[in-house]
């Protein structure tokens, strides 16, 4: 008896999608995005003197941000 399998026997119905997985993945992506943006903002403010010394055009951006926060 040959061990051949017909293509119809190989096809299986797709698994139903999990309701919580897309929502959890989207929430994790938002949290990670906000954490990265917050970390970048903190680093830009924490090392602003070094950044302005290394890249003088950034002084205008820091001056604008400082004027907006007063």
PDB file of N, CA and C in Angstrom:
ATOM      1  N   UNK A   1       0.846  -1.152   0.000  1.00  0.00           N
ATOM      2  CA  UNK A   1       0.000   0.000   0.000  1.00  0.00           C
ATOM      3  C   UNK A   1       0.913   1.244   0.000  1.00  0.00           C
ATOM      4  N   UNK A   2       0.742   2.146  -0.991  1.00  0.00           N
ATOM      5  CA  UNK A   2       1.593   3.335  -1.060  1.00  0.00           C
ATOM      6  C   UNK A   2       1.180   4.356   0.010  1.00  0.00           C
ATOM      7  N   UNK A   3       2.156   5.130   0.438  1.00  0.00           N
ATOM      8  CA  UNK A   3       1.912   6.144   1.462  1.00  0.00           C
ATOM      9  C   UNK A   3       1.750   7.515   0.817  1.00  0.00           C
ATOM     10  N   UNK A   4       0.835   7.625  -0.071  1.00  0.00           N
ATOM     11  CA  UNK A   4       0.594   8.910  -0.712  1.00  0.00           C
ATOM     12  C   UNK A   4      -0.612   9.588  -0.053  1.00  0.00           C
ATOM     13  N   UNK A   5      -0.544  10.918  -0.012  1.00  0.00           N
ATOM     14  CA  UNK A   5      -1.618  11.694   0.590  1.00  0.00           C
ATOM     15  C   UNK A   5      -2.165  12.619  -0.478  1.00  0.00           C
ATOM     16  N   UNK A   6      -3.442  12.673  -0.584  1.00  0.00           N
ATOM     17  CA  UNK A   6      -4.076  13.542  -1.553  1.00  0.00           C
ATOM     18  C   UNK A   6      -4.095  14.970  -1.032  1.00  0.00           C
ATOM     19  N   UNK A   7      -4.028  15.978  -1.912  1.00  0.00           N
ATOM     20  CA  UNK A   7      -4.038  17.377  -1.462  1.00  0.00           C
ATOM     21  C   UNK A   7      -5.261  17.739  -0.627  1.00  0.00           C
ATOM     22  N   UNK A   8      -6.395  17.110  -0.902  1.00  0.00           N
ATOM     23  CA  UNK A   8      -7.590  17.422  -0.125  1.00  0.00           C
ATOM     24  C   UNK A   8      -7.423  17.011   1.334  1.00  0.00           C
ATOM     25  N   UNK A   9      -6.645  15.969   1.572  1.00  0.00           N
ATOM     26  CA  UNK A   9      -6.445  15.499   2.938  1.00  0.00           C
ATOM     27  C   UNK A   9      -5.473  16.404   3.720  1.00  0.00           C
ATOM     28  N   UNK A  10      -4.642  17.149   3.020  1.00  0.00           N
ATOM     29  CA  UNK A  10      -3.679  18.022   3.675  1.00  0.00           C
ATOM     30  C   UNK A  10      -4.279  19.348   4.109  1.00  0.00           C
ATOM     31  N   UNK A  11      -5.327  19.767   3.451  1.00  0.00           N
ATOM     32  CA  UNK A  11      -5.924  21.059   3.776  1.00  0.00           C
ATOM     33  C   UNK A  11      -6.696  20.972   5.083  1.00  0.00           C
ATOM     34  N   UNK A  12      -6.410  21.916   5.955  1.00  0.00           N
ATOM     35  CA  UNK A  12      -7.112  21.978   7.229  1.00  0.00           C
ATOM     36  C   UNK A  12      -7.790  23.339   7.305  1.00  0.00           C
ATOM     37  N   UNK A  13      -8.900  23.419   7.966  1.00  0.00           N
ATOM     38  CA  UNK A  13      -9.569  24.721   8.098  1.00  0.00           C
ATOM     39  C   UNK A  13      -8.700  25.654   8.943  1.00  0.00           C
ATOM     40  N   UNK A  14      -8.734  26.946   8.645  1.00  0.00           N
ATOM     41  CA  UNK A  14      -7.931  27.886   9.446  1.00  0.00           C
ATOM     42  C   UNK A  14      -8.454  27.981  10.867  1.00  0.00           C
ATOM     43  N   UNK A  15      -7.539  28.222  11.786  1.00  0.00           N
ATOM     44  CA  UNK A  15      -7.923  28.361  13.188  1.00  0.00           C
ATOM     45  C   UNK A  15      -8.669  29.681  13.366  1.00  0.00           C
ATOM     46  N   UNK A  16      -9.656  29.719  14.200  1.00  0.00           N
ATOM     47  CA  UNK A  16     -10.376  30.976  14.432  1.00  0.00           C
ATOM     48  C   UNK A  16      -9.428  31.988  15.081  1.00  0.00           C
ATOM     49  N   UNK A  17      -9.549  33.251  14.717  1.00  0.00           N
ATOM     50  CA  UNK A  17      -8.658  34.262  15.301  1.00  0.00           C
ATOM     51  C   UNK A  17      -8.947  34.475  16.774  1.00  0.00           C
ATOM     52  N   UNK A  18      -7.912  34.717  17.522  1.00  0.00           N
ATOM     53  CA  UNK A  18      -8.066  34.995  18.946  1.00  0.00           C
ATOM     54  C   UNK A  18      -8.493  36.444  19.114  1.00  0.00           C
ATOM     55  N   UNK A  19      -9.492  36.682  19.914  1.00  0.00           N
ATOM     56  CA  UNK A  19     -10.027  38.034  20.077  1.00  0.00           C
ATOM     57  C   UNK A  19      -9.077  38.937  20.857  1.00  0.00           C
ATOM     58  N   UNK A  20      -8.335  38.385  21.804  1.00  0.00           N
ATOM     59  CA  UNK A  20      -7.478  39.205  22.645  1.00  0.00           C
ATOM     60  C   UNK A  20      -6.110  39.479  22.060  1.00  0.00           C
ATOM     61  N   UNK A  21      -5.638  38.668  21.143  1.00  0.00           N
ATOM     62  CA  UNK A  21      -4.277  38.810  20.627  1.00  0.00           C
ATOM     63  C   UNK A  21      -4.063  40.117  19.858  1.00  0.00           C
ATOM     64  N   UNK A  22      -4.920  40.496  18.910  1.00  0.00           N
ATOM     65  CA  UNK A  22      -4.670  41.759  18.207  1.00  0.00           C
ATOM     66  C   UNK A  22      -4.739  42.978  19.129  1.00  0.00           C
ATOM     67  N   UNK A  23      -5.631  42.968  20.077  1.00  0.00           N
ATOM     68  CA  UNK A  23      -5.755  44.083  21.010  1.00  0.00           C
ATOM     69  C   UNK A  23      -4.524  44.172  21.899  1.00  0.00           C
ATOM     70  N   UNK A  24      -4.039  43.054  22.375  1.00  0.00           N
ATOM     71  CA  UNK A  24      -2.847  43.055  23.223  1.00  0.00           C
ATOM     72  C   UNK A  24      -1.624  43.492  22.432  1.00  0.00           C
ATOM     73  N   UNK A  25      -1.509  43.058  21.187  1.00  0.00           N
ATOM     74  CA  UNK A  25      -0.375  43.461  20.360  1.00  0.00           C
ATOM     75  C   UNK A  25      -0.414  44.954  20.061  1.00  0.00           C
ATOM     76  N   UNK A  26      -1.581  45.481  19.794  1.00  0.00           N
ATOM     77  CA  UNK A  26      -1.715  46.919  19.531  1.00  0.00           C
ATOM     78  C   UNK A  26      -1.392  47.728  20.780  1.00  0.00           C
ATOM     79  N   UNK A  27      -1.866  47.276  21.921  1.00  0.00           N
ATOM     80  CA  UNK A  27      -1.573  47.983  23.177  1.00  0.00           C
ATOM     81  C   UNK A  27      -0.082  47.941  23.483  1.00  0.00           C
ATOM     82  N   UNK A  28       0.545  46.804  23.258  1.00  0.00           N
ATOM     83  CA  UNK A  28       1.990  46.695  23.488  1.00  0.00           C
ATOM     84  C   UNK A  28       2.760  47.596  22.535  1.00  0.00           C
ATOM     85  N   UNK A  29       2.323  47.698  21.295  1.00  0.00           N
ATOM     86  CA  UNK A  29       2.991  48.570  20.325  1.00  0.00           C
ATOM     87  C   UNK A  29       2.861  50.030  20.734  1.00  0.00           C
ATOM     88  N   UNK A  30       1.696  50.434  21.223  1.00  0.00           N
ATOM     89  CA  UNK A  30       1.502  51.814  21.678  1.00  0.00           C
ATOM     90  C   UNK A  30       2.376  52.113  22.884  1.00  0.00           C
ATOM     91  N   UNK A  31       2.411  51.205  23.833  1.00  0.00           N
ATOM     92  CA  UNK A  31       3.218  51.414  25.039  1.00  0.00           C
ATOM     93  C   UNK A  31       4.693  51.511  24.674  1.00  0.00           C
ATOM     94  N   UNK A  32       5.162  50.635  23.793  1.00  0.00           N
ATOM     95  CA  UNK A  32       6.557  50.673  23.371  1.00  0.00           C
ATOM     96  C   UNK A  32       6.872  51.961  22.614  1.00  0.00           C
ATOM     97  N   UNK A  33       5.963  52.387  21.749  1.00  0.00           N
ATOM     98  CA  UNK A  33       6.178  53.627  20.998  1.00  0.00           C
ATOM     99  C   UNK A  33       6.253  54.835  21.933  1.00  0.00           C
ATOM    100  N   UNK A  34       5.350  54.911  22.889  1.00  0.00           N
ATOM    101  CA  UNK A  34       5.359  56.027  23.834  1.00  0.00           C
ATOM    102  C   UNK A  34       6.599  55.998  24.730  1.00  0.00           C
ATOM    103  N   UNK A  35       7.033  54.798  25.105  1.00  0.00           N
ATOM    104  CA  UNK A  35       8.241  54.684  25.919  1.00  0.00           C
ATOM    105  C   UNK A  35       9.466  55.140  25.132  1.00  0.00           C
ATOM    106  N   UNK A  36       9.546  54.779  23.861  1.00  0.00           N
ATOM    107  CA  UNK A  36      10.675  55.202  23.034  1.00  0.00           C
ATOM    108  C   UNK A  36      10.681  56.719  22.827  1.00  0.00           C
ATOM    109  N   UNK A  37       9.515  57.282  22.554  1.00  0.00           N
ATOM    110  CA  UNK A  37       9.430  58.734  22.385  1.00  0.00           C
ATOM    111  C   UNK A  37       9.757  59.466  23.690  1.00  0.00           C
ATOM    112  N   UNK A  38       9.268  58.956  24.782  1.00  0.00           N
ATOM    113  CA  UNK A  38       9.570  59.565  26.078  1.00  0.00           C
ATOM    114  C   UNK A  38      11.055  59.472  26.412  1.00  0.00           C
ATOM    115  N   UNK A  39      11.648  58.332  26.121  1.00  0.00           N
ATOM    116  CA  UNK A  39      13.077  58.172  26.359  1.00  0.00           C
ATOM    117  C   UNK A  39      13.910  59.091  25.486  1.00  0.00           C
ATOM    118  N   UNK A  40      13.512  59.245  24.228  1.00  0.00           N
ATOM    119  CA  UNK A  40      14.229  60.148  23.324  1.00  0.00           C
ATOM    120  C   UNK A  40      14.084  61.596  23.787  1.00  0.00           C
ATOM    121  N   UNK A  41      12.895  61.972  24.228  1.00  0.00           N
ATOM    122  CA  UNK A  41      12.683  63.320  24.730  1.00  0.00           C
ATOM    123  C   UNK A  41      13.493  63.589  25.994  1.00  0.00           C
ATOM    124  N   UNK A  42      13.511  62.628  26.888  1.00  0.00           N
ATOM    125  CA  UNK A  42      14.310  62.770  28.106  1.00  0.00           C
ATOM    126  C   UNK A  42      15.791  62.898  27.776  1.00  0.00           C
ATOM    127  N   UNK A  43      16.284  62.054  26.887  1.00  0.00           N
ATOM    128  CA  UNK A  43      17.700  62.110  26.506  1.00  0.00           C
ATOM    129  C   UNK A  43      18.041  63.437  25.843  1.00  0.00           C
ATOM    130  N   UNK A  44      17.155  63.940  24.994  1.00  0.00           N
ATOM    131  CA  UNK A  44      17.401  65.220  24.327  1.00  0.00           C
ATOM    132  C   UNK A  44      17.443  66.359  25.331  1.00  0.00           C
ATOM    133  N   UNK A  45      16.643  66.306  26.381  1.00  0.00           N
ATOM    134  CA  UNK A  45      16.651  67.361  27.381  1.00  0.00           C
ATOM    135  C   UNK A  45      17.815  67.183  28.359  1.00  0.00           C
ATOM    136  N   UNK A  46      18.096  65.955  28.733  1.00  0.00           N
ATOM    137  CA  UNK A  46      19.155  65.679  29.697  1.00  0.00           C
ATOM    138  C   UNK A  46      20.537  66.057  29.139  1.00  0.00           C
ATOM    139  N   UNK A  47      20.783  65.757  27.877  1.00  0.00           N
ATOM    140  CA  UNK A  47      22.072  66.040  27.252  1.00  0.00           C
ATOM    141  C   UNK A  47      21.991  67.230  26.294  1.00  0.00           C
ATOM    142  N   UNK A  48      21.144  68.207  26.617  1.00  0.00           N
ATOM    143  CA  UNK A  48      20.945  69.332  25.706  1.00  0.00           C
ATOM    144  C   UNK A  48      22.208  70.158  25.524  1.00  0.00           C
ATOM    145  N   UNK A  49      22.989  70.341  26.571  1.00  0.00           N
ATOM    146  CA  UNK A  49      24.222  71.123  26.438  1.00  0.00           C
ATOM    147  C   UNK A  49      25.191  70.450  25.470  1.00  0.00           C
ATOM    148  N   UNK A  50      25.350  69.147  25.620  1.00  0.00           N
ATOM    149  CA  UNK A  50      26.250  68.411  24.727  1.00  0.00           C
ATOM    150  C   UNK A  50      25.728  68.401  23.291  1.00  0.00           C
ATOM    151  N   UNK A  51      24.419  68.287  23.145  1.00  0.00           N
ATOM    152  CA  UNK A  51      23.821  68.282  21.804  1.00  0.00           C
ATOM    153  C   UNK A  51      24.002  69.634  21.143  1.00  0.00           C
ATOM    154  N   UNK A  52      23.762  70.722  21.904  1.00  0.00           N
ATOM    155  CA  UNK A  52      23.913  72.059  21.324  1.00  0.00           C
ATOM    156  C   UNK A  52      25.375  72.354  20.977  1.00  0.00           C
ATOM    157  N   UNK A  53      26.310  71.820  21.763  1.00  0.00           N
ATOM    158  CA  UNK A  53      27.730  72.026  21.458  1.00  0.00           C
ATOM    159  C   UNK A  53      28.139  71.237  20.219  1.00  0.00           C
ATOM    160  N   UNK A  54      27.589  70.028  20.070  1.00  0.00           N
ATOM    161  CA  UNK A  54      27.952  69.195  18.928  1.00  0.00           C
ATOM    162  C   UNK A  54      27.233  69.621  17.650  1.00  0.00           C
ATOM    163  N   UNK A  55      26.026  70.151  17.787  1.00  0.00           N
ATOM    164  CA  UNK A  55      25.224  70.525  16.613  1.00  0.00           C
ATOM    165  C   UNK A  55      24.579  71.888  16.871  1.00  0.00           C
ATOM    166  N   UNK A  56      25.281  72.972  16.546  1.00  0.00           N
ATOM    167  CA  UNK A  56      24.794  74.326  16.851  1.00  0.00           C
ATOM    168  C   UNK A  56      23.394  74.659  16.326  1.00  0.00           C
ATOM    169  N   UNK A  57      22.942  74.163  15.167  1.00  0.00           N
ATOM    170  CA  UNK A  57      21.567  74.505  14.761  1.00  0.00           C
ATOM    171  C   UNK A  57      20.489  74.041  15.743  1.00  0.00           C
ATOM    172  N   UNK A  58      20.814  73.083  16.605  1.00  0.00           N
ATOM    173  CA  UNK A  58      19.820  72.614  17.574  1.00  0.00           C
ATOM    174  C   UNK A  58      19.506  73.678  18.627  1.00  0.00           C
ATOM    175  N   UNK A  59      20.359  74.704  18.737  1.00  0.00           N
ATOM    176  CA  UNK A  59      20.112  75.768  19.713  1.00  0.00           C
ATOM    177  C   UNK A  59      18.794  76.475  19.438  1.00  0.00           C
ATOM    178  N   UNK A  60      18.442  76.614  18.160  1.00  0.00           N
ATOM    179  CA  UNK A  60      17.161  77.257  17.824  1.00  0.00           C
ATOM    180  C   UNK A  60      15.979  76.421  18.294  1.00  0.00           C
ATOM    181  N   UNK A  61      16.086  75.101  18.128  1.00  0.00           N
ATOM    182  CA  UNK A  61      14.988  74.226  18.562  1.00  0.00           C
ATOM    183  C   UNK A  61      14.840  74.263  20.079  1.00  0.00           C
ATOM    184  N   UNK A  62      15.966  74.232  20.793  1.00  0.00           N
ATOM    185  CA  UNK A  62      15.882  74.305  22.251  1.00  0.00           C
ATOM    186  C   UNK A  62      15.365  75.655  22.706  1.00  0.00           C
ATOM    187  N   UNK A  63      15.755  76.735  22.035  1.00  0.00           N
ATOM    188  CA  UNK A  63      15.268  78.076  22.389  1.00  0.00           C
ATOM    189  C   UNK A  63      13.758  78.159  22.148  1.00  0.00           C
ATOM    190  N   UNK A  64      13.283  77.594  21.056  1.00  0.00           N
ATOM    191  CA  UNK A  64      11.852  77.597  20.781  1.00  0.00           C
ATOM    192  C   UNK A  64      11.096  76.789  21.831  1.00  0.00           C
ATOM    193  N   UNK A  65      11.600  75.618  22.168  1.00  0.00           N
ATOM    194  CA  UNK A  65      10.937  74.793  23.174  1.00  0.00           C
ATOM    195  C   UNK A  65      10.925  75.502  24.525  1.00  0.00           C
ATOM    196  N   UNK A  66      12.024  76.161  24.851  1.00  0.00           N
ATOM    197  CA  UNK A  66      12.100  76.886  26.126  1.00  0.00           C
ATOM    198  C   UNK A  66      11.098  78.040  26.139  1.00  0.00           C
ATOM    199  N   UNK A  67      10.933  78.732  25.014  1.00  0.00           N
ATOM    200  CA  UNK A  67       9.974  79.833  24.946  1.00  0.00           C
ATOM    201  C   UNK A  67       8.540  79.326  25.041  1.00  0.00           C
ATOM    202  N   UNK A  68       8.273  78.151  24.507  1.00  0.00           N
ATOM    203  CA  UNK A  68       6.910  77.595  24.543  1.00  0.00           C
ATOM    204  C   UNK A  68       6.529  77.107  25.922  1.00  0.00           C
ATOM    205  N   UNK A  69       7.507  76.727  26.729  1.00  0.00           N
ATOM    206  CA  UNK A  69       7.184  76.176  28.049  1.00  0.00           C
ATOM    207  C   UNK A  69       7.094  77.237  29.133  1.00  0.00           C
ATOM    208  N   UNK A  70       7.383  78.474  28.806  1.00  0.00           N
ATOM    209  CA  UNK A  70       7.291  79.549  29.816  1.00  0.00           C
ATOM    210  C   UNK A  70       5.947  80.189  29.803  1.00  0.00           C
TER     211      UNK A  70
END
